[in-house]
Amino acid sequence: MVTLEGIRSPIRTQPAPSSKLRIYESLFLLNQSIDQVVAILRRMANFPFADKESLLCAQAEIEEVRCGMNADFTEHLVDSERLDEGRFWKQRREFEKKWQDPDDVYIDVQRREEERKMQGLPPRVFIVSHSAIAQEEERRKGEQGRKKKGAVKPLKPRRPE
């Protein structure tokens, strides 16, 4: 007789589900099961001897339990989800910073200025070309050179002899 003990599948088994997955899966199963119970109660209302009011009361009670359980679980989950959201946002932001070109901010500014223009708003930023900056630097250097050449040292007052 051939046994398969000790023979493992070449396909990796899935890792154990996270606790978060188990919680959401349990909530799903709870809601799915309650849907089934409510559907059964509705079908039971079709029997000629069924007390329809009693069945409607039972449905309301079951729906109340569902809502209470969903609220209790989701209230506890929201804090955890917000903390995880913040943690993963920081991680993603660090990756983006590492991959981002520092000069991309200029592209973003240019896009925003184009959006403002399309909206009929005045520009907030004026982008000066490199050649204009170079011309201004040359002009300033020229002025500083003329000031140095034309500068006269002030005379010291003489002491009377």
C-alpha atoms as a PDB file:
ATOM      1  CA  MET A   1       0.000   0.000   0.000  1.00  0.00           C
ATOM      2  CA  VAL A   2       1.292   3.435  -0.964  1.00  0.00           C
ATOM      3  CA  THR A   3       1.115   6.234   1.576  1.00  0.00           C
ATOM      4  CA  LEU A   4       1.438   9.924   0.936  1.00  0.00           C
ATOM      5  CA  GLU A   5       2.776  10.790   4.368  1.00  0.00           C
ATOM      6  CA  GLY A   6       5.755  13.083   4.250  1.00  0.00           C
ATOM      7  CA  ILE A   7       5.142  14.053   0.622  1.00  0.00           C
ATOM      8  CA  ARG A   8       4.539  17.768   0.349  1.00  0.00           C
ATOM      9  CA  SER A   9       2.973  19.618  -2.513  1.00  0.00           C
ATOM     10  CA  PRO A  10       5.445  21.565  -4.654  1.00  0.00           C
ATOM     11  CA  ILE A  11       3.019  24.474  -4.486  1.00  0.00           C
ATOM     12  CA  ARG A  12       3.665  26.699  -1.494  1.00  0.00           C
ATOM     13  CA  THR A  13       0.837  26.807   0.945  1.00  0.00           C
ATOM     14  CA  GLN A  14      -0.635  30.186   1.691  1.00  0.00           C
ATOM     15  CA  PRO A  15       0.545  31.910   4.853  1.00  0.00           C
ATOM     16  CA  ALA A  16      -1.816  31.974   7.800  1.00  0.00           C
ATOM     17  CA  PRO A  17      -4.413  34.681   7.347  1.00  0.00           C
ATOM     18  CA  SER A  18      -3.878  37.898   9.260  1.00  0.00           C
ATOM     19  CA  SER A  19      -5.972  38.586  12.327  1.00  0.00           C
ATOM     20  CA  LYS A  20      -7.543  41.466  10.403  1.00  0.00           C
ATOM     21  CA  LEU A  21      -8.673  39.076   7.675  1.00  0.00           C
ATOM     22  CA  ARG A  22     -10.121  36.650  10.215  1.00  0.00           C
ATOM     23  CA  ILE A  23     -12.136  39.454  11.848  1.00  0.00           C
ATOM     24  CA  TYR A  24     -13.558  40.723   8.569  1.00  0.00           C
ATOM     25  CA  GLU A  25     -14.221  37.184   7.394  1.00  0.00           C
ATOM     26  CA  SER A  26     -16.123  36.479  10.626  1.00  0.00           C
ATOM     27  CA  LEU A  27     -18.194  39.631  10.166  1.00  0.00           C
ATOM     28  CA  PHE A  28     -18.947  38.575   6.606  1.00  0.00           C
ATOM     29  CA  LEU A  29     -20.003  35.094   7.702  1.00  0.00           C
ATOM     30  CA  LEU A  30     -22.179  36.559  10.483  1.00  0.00           C
ATOM     31  CA  ASN A  31     -23.939  38.893   8.040  1.00  0.00           C
ATOM     32  CA  GLN A  32     -24.308  36.174   5.432  1.00  0.00           C
ATOM     33  CA  SER A  33     -25.825  33.794   7.990  1.00  0.00           C
ATOM     34  CA  ILE A  34     -28.219  36.428   9.283  1.00  0.00           C
ATOM     35  CA  ASP A  35     -29.333  37.082   5.694  1.00  0.00           C
ATOM     36  CA  GLN A  36     -30.086  33.382   5.397  1.00  0.00           C
ATOM     37  CA  VAL A  37     -32.069  33.351   8.674  1.00  0.00           C
ATOM     38  CA  VAL A  38     -34.079  36.409   7.614  1.00  0.00           C
ATOM     39  CA  ALA A  39     -34.816  34.800   4.238  1.00  0.00           C
ATOM     40  CA  ILE A  40     -36.031  31.638   6.000  1.00  0.00           C
ATOM     41  CA  LEU A  41     -38.296  33.692   8.274  1.00  0.00           C
ATOM     42  CA  ARG A  42     -39.780  35.457   5.228  1.00  0.00           C
ATOM     43  CA  ARG A  43     -40.475  32.106   3.563  1.00  0.00           C
ATOM     44  CA  MET A  44     -42.052  30.833   6.785  1.00  0.00           C
ATOM     45  CA  ALA A  45     -44.476  33.778   6.651  1.00  0.00           C
ATOM     46  CA  ASN A  46     -46.045  32.094   3.584  1.00  0.00           C
ATOM     47  CA  PHE A  47     -47.317  29.138   5.637  1.00  0.00           C
ATOM     48  CA  PRO A  48     -51.042  29.455   6.260  1.00  0.00           C
ATOM     49  CA  PHE A  49     -50.739  29.025  10.026  1.00  0.00           C
ATOM     50  CA  ALA A  50     -47.746  31.420  10.418  1.00  0.00           C
ATOM     51  CA  ASP A  51     -48.060  34.313  12.838  1.00  0.00           C
ATOM     52  CA  LYS A  52     -46.772  37.036  10.498  1.00  0.00           C
ATOM     53  CA  GLU A  53     -46.453  39.634  13.242  1.00  0.00           C
ATOM     54  CA  SER A  54     -44.371  37.290  15.373  1.00  0.00           C
ATOM     55  CA  LEU A  55     -42.105  36.535  12.408  1.00  0.00           C
ATOM     56  CA  LEU A  56     -41.666  40.263  11.678  1.00  0.00           C
ATOM     57  CA  CYS A  57     -40.754  40.831  15.331  1.00  0.00           C
ATOM     58  CA  ALA A  58     -38.180  38.021  15.136  1.00  0.00           C
ATOM     59  CA  GLN A  59     -36.688  39.571  11.970  1.00  0.00           C
ATOM     60  CA  ALA A  60     -36.403  42.938  13.700  1.00  0.00           C
ATOM     61  CA  GLU A  61     -34.715  41.341  16.700  1.00  0.00           C
ATOM     62  CA  ILE A  62     -32.244  39.462  14.505  1.00  0.00           C
ATOM     63  CA  GLU A  63     -31.469  42.605  12.472  1.00  0.00           C
ATOM     64  CA  GLU A  64     -30.922  44.485  15.741  1.00  0.00           C
ATOM     65  CA  VAL A  65     -28.394  41.859  16.840  1.00  0.00           C
ATOM     66  CA  ARG A  66     -26.658  42.092  13.446  1.00  0.00           C
ATOM     67  CA  CYS A  67     -26.394  45.886  13.655  1.00  0.00           C
ATOM     68  CA  GLY A  68     -25.141  45.755  17.224  1.00  0.00           C
ATOM     69  CA  MET A  69     -22.446  43.228  16.406  1.00  0.00           C
ATOM     70  CA  ASN A  70     -21.367  45.101  13.270  1.00  0.00           C
ATOM     71  CA  ALA A  71     -21.197  48.372  15.220  1.00  0.00           C
ATOM     72  CA  ASP A  72     -19.230  46.849  18.101  1.00  0.00           C
ATOM     73  CA  PHE A  73     -16.665  45.264  15.824  1.00  0.00           C
ATOM     74  CA  THR A  74     -16.294  48.191  13.451  1.00  0.00           C
ATOM     75  CA  GLU A  75     -15.917  50.686  16.306  1.00  0.00           C
ATOM     76  CA  HIS A  76     -12.932  48.712  17.546  1.00  0.00           C
ATOM     77  CA  LEU A  77     -11.582  48.211  14.044  1.00  0.00           C
ATOM     78  CA  VAL A  78     -11.709  51.874  13.017  1.00  0.00           C
ATOM     79  CA  ASP A  79      -8.923  52.919  15.389  1.00  0.00           C
ATOM     80  CA  SER A  80      -6.728  50.059  14.273  1.00  0.00           C
ATOM     81  CA  GLU A  81      -7.430  50.801  10.611  1.00  0.00           C
ATOM     82  CA  ARG A  82      -6.604  54.505  11.030  1.00  0.00           C
ATOM     83  CA  LEU A  83      -3.315  53.659  12.749  1.00  0.00           C
ATOM     84  CA  ASP A  84      -2.448  51.208   9.969  1.00  0.00           C
ATOM     85  CA  GLU A  85      -3.464  53.764   7.351  1.00  0.00           C
ATOM     86  CA  GLY A  86      -1.098  56.345   8.848  1.00  0.00           C
ATOM     87  CA  ARG A  87       1.751  53.861   9.168  1.00  0.00           C
ATOM     88  CA  PHE A  88       1.411  52.663   5.578  1.00  0.00           C
ATOM     89  CA  TRP A  89       1.009  56.248   4.313  1.00  0.00           C
ATOM     90  CA  LYS A  90       4.355  57.126   5.935  1.00  0.00           C
ATOM     91  CA  GLN A  91       5.996  54.068   4.382  1.00  0.00           C
ATOM     92  CA  ARG A  92       4.627  54.904   0.931  1.00  0.00           C
ATOM     93  CA  ARG A  93       5.643  58.550   1.303  1.00  0.00           C
ATOM     94  CA  GLU A  94       9.219  57.519   2.161  1.00  0.00           C
ATOM     95  CA  PHE A  95       9.393  55.414  -1.001  1.00  0.00           C
ATOM     96  CA  GLU A  96       8.015  58.285  -3.071  1.00  0.00           C
ATOM     97  CA  LYS A  97      10.522  60.726  -1.589  1.00  0.00           C
ATOM     98  CA  LYS A  98      13.358  58.346  -2.381  1.00  0.00           C
ATOM     99  CA  TRP A  99      12.248  57.941  -5.990  1.00  0.00           C
ATOM    100  CA  GLN A 100      11.175  61.528  -6.617  1.00  0.00           C
ATOM    101  CA  ASP A 101      13.343  63.998  -8.476  1.00  0.00           C
ATOM    102  CA  PRO A 102      13.714  67.146  -6.338  1.00  0.00           C
ATOM    103  CA  ASP A 103      13.026  69.260  -9.405  1.00  0.00           C
ATOM    104  CA  ASP A 104       9.565  67.689  -9.820  1.00  0.00           C
ATOM    105  CA  VAL A 105       8.208  70.468  -7.600  1.00  0.00           C
ATOM    106  CA  TYR A 106       8.719  72.868 -10.490  1.00  0.00           C
ATOM    107  CA  ILE A 107       6.654  70.653 -12.769  1.00  0.00           C
ATOM    108  CA  ASP A 108       3.911  70.544 -10.122  1.00  0.00           C
ATOM    109  CA  VAL A 109       3.979  74.336  -9.817  1.00  0.00           C
ATOM    110  CA  GLN A 110       3.764  74.706 -13.576  1.00  0.00           C
ATOM    111  CA  ARG A 111       0.742  72.343 -13.729  1.00  0.00           C
ATOM    112  CA  ARG A 112      -0.974  74.239 -10.934  1.00  0.00           C
ATOM    113  CA  GLU A 113      -0.357  77.561 -12.627  1.00  0.00           C
ATOM    114  CA  GLU A 114      -1.886  76.164 -15.829  1.00  0.00           C
ATOM    115  CA  GLU A 115      -4.942  75.040 -13.819  1.00  0.00           C
ATOM    116  CA  ARG A 116      -5.251  78.532 -12.328  1.00  0.00           C
ATOM    117  CA  LYS A 117      -4.989  80.073 -15.786  1.00  0.00           C
ATOM    118  CA  MET A 118      -7.794  77.803 -17.058  1.00  0.00           C
ATOM    119  CA  GLN A 119      -9.924  78.918 -14.084  1.00  0.00           C
ATOM    120  CA  GLY A 120      -9.280  82.548 -14.937  1.00  0.00           C
ATOM    121  CA  LEU A 121      -7.221  83.136 -11.803  1.00  0.00           C
ATOM    122  CA  PRO A 122      -4.056  85.254 -11.744  1.00  0.00           C
ATOM    123  CA  PRO A 123      -0.719  83.483 -11.447  1.00  0.00           C
ATOM    124  CA  ARG A 124       0.773  83.088  -8.000  1.00  0.00           C
ATOM    125  CA  VAL A 125       4.273  82.255  -9.160  1.00  0.00           C
ATOM    126  CA  PHE A 126       6.367  83.741 -11.897  1.00  0.00           C
ATOM    127  CA  ILE A 127       9.038  81.493 -13.286  1.00  0.00           C
ATOM    128  CA  VAL A 128      12.114  83.401 -14.344  1.00  0.00           C
ATOM    129  CA  SER A 129      14.197  81.882 -17.105  1.00  0.00           C
ATOM    130  CA  HIS A 130      17.812  80.967 -16.487  1.00  0.00           C
ATOM    131  CA  SER A 131      18.996  83.463 -19.092  1.00  0.00           C
ATOM    132  CA  ALA A 132      17.193  86.308 -17.287  1.00  0.00           C
ATOM    133  CA  ILE A 133      18.894  85.336 -14.021  1.00  0.00           C
ATOM    134  CA  ALA A 134      22.287  85.183 -15.752  1.00  0.00           C
ATOM    135  CA  GLN A 135      21.751  88.665 -17.272  1.00  0.00           C
ATOM    136  CA  GLU A 136      20.808  90.079 -13.867  1.00  0.00           C
ATOM    137  CA  GLU A 137      23.923  88.567 -12.272  1.00  0.00           C
ATOM    138  CA  GLU A 138      26.118  90.061 -14.981  1.00  0.00           C
ATOM    139  CA  ARG A 139      24.499  93.477 -14.490  1.00  0.00           C
ATOM    140  CA  ARG A 140      25.118  93.318 -10.726  1.00  0.00           C
ATOM    141  CA  LYS A 141      28.738  92.276 -11.205  1.00  0.00           C
ATOM    142  CA  GLY A 142      29.203  95.223 -13.544  1.00  0.00           C
ATOM    143  CA  GLU A 143      27.750  97.652 -11.028  1.00  0.00           C
ATOM    144  CA  GLN A 144      29.927  96.284  -8.223  1.00  0.00           C
ATOM    145  CA  GLY A 145      33.018  96.574 -10.440  1.00  0.00           C
ATOM    146  CA  ARG A 146      32.267 100.222 -11.252  1.00  0.00           C
ATOM    147  CA  LYS A 147      31.703 101.019  -7.581  1.00  0.00           C
ATOM    148  CA  LYS A 148      35.049  99.496  -6.616  1.00  0.00           C
ATOM    149  CA  LYS A 149      36.945 101.377  -9.317  1.00  0.00           C
ATOM    150  CA  GLY A 150      35.315 104.720  -8.598  1.00  0.00           C
ATOM    151  CA  ALA A 151      35.487 104.414  -4.879  1.00  0.00           C
ATOM    152  CA  VAL A 152      37.642 107.023  -3.190  1.00  0.00           C
ATOM    153  CA  LYS A 153      38.973 106.515   0.285  1.00  0.00           C
ATOM    154  CA  PRO A 154      37.805 109.176   2.644  1.00  0.00           C
ATOM    155  CA  LEU A 155      40.556 111.438   3.868  1.00  0.00           C
ATOM    156  CA  LYS A 156      41.518 111.342   7.476  1.00  0.00           C
ATOM    157  CA  PRO A 157      41.245 114.686   9.176  1.00  0.00           C
ATOM    158  CA  ARG A 158      44.622 116.252   9.866  1.00  0.00           C
ATOM    159  CA  ARG A 159      45.698 117.293  13.275  1.00  0.00           C
ATOM    160  CA  PRO A 160      46.719 120.827  13.592  1.00  0.00           C
ATOM    161  CA  GLU A 161      50.430 121.168  14.231  1.00  0.00           C
END
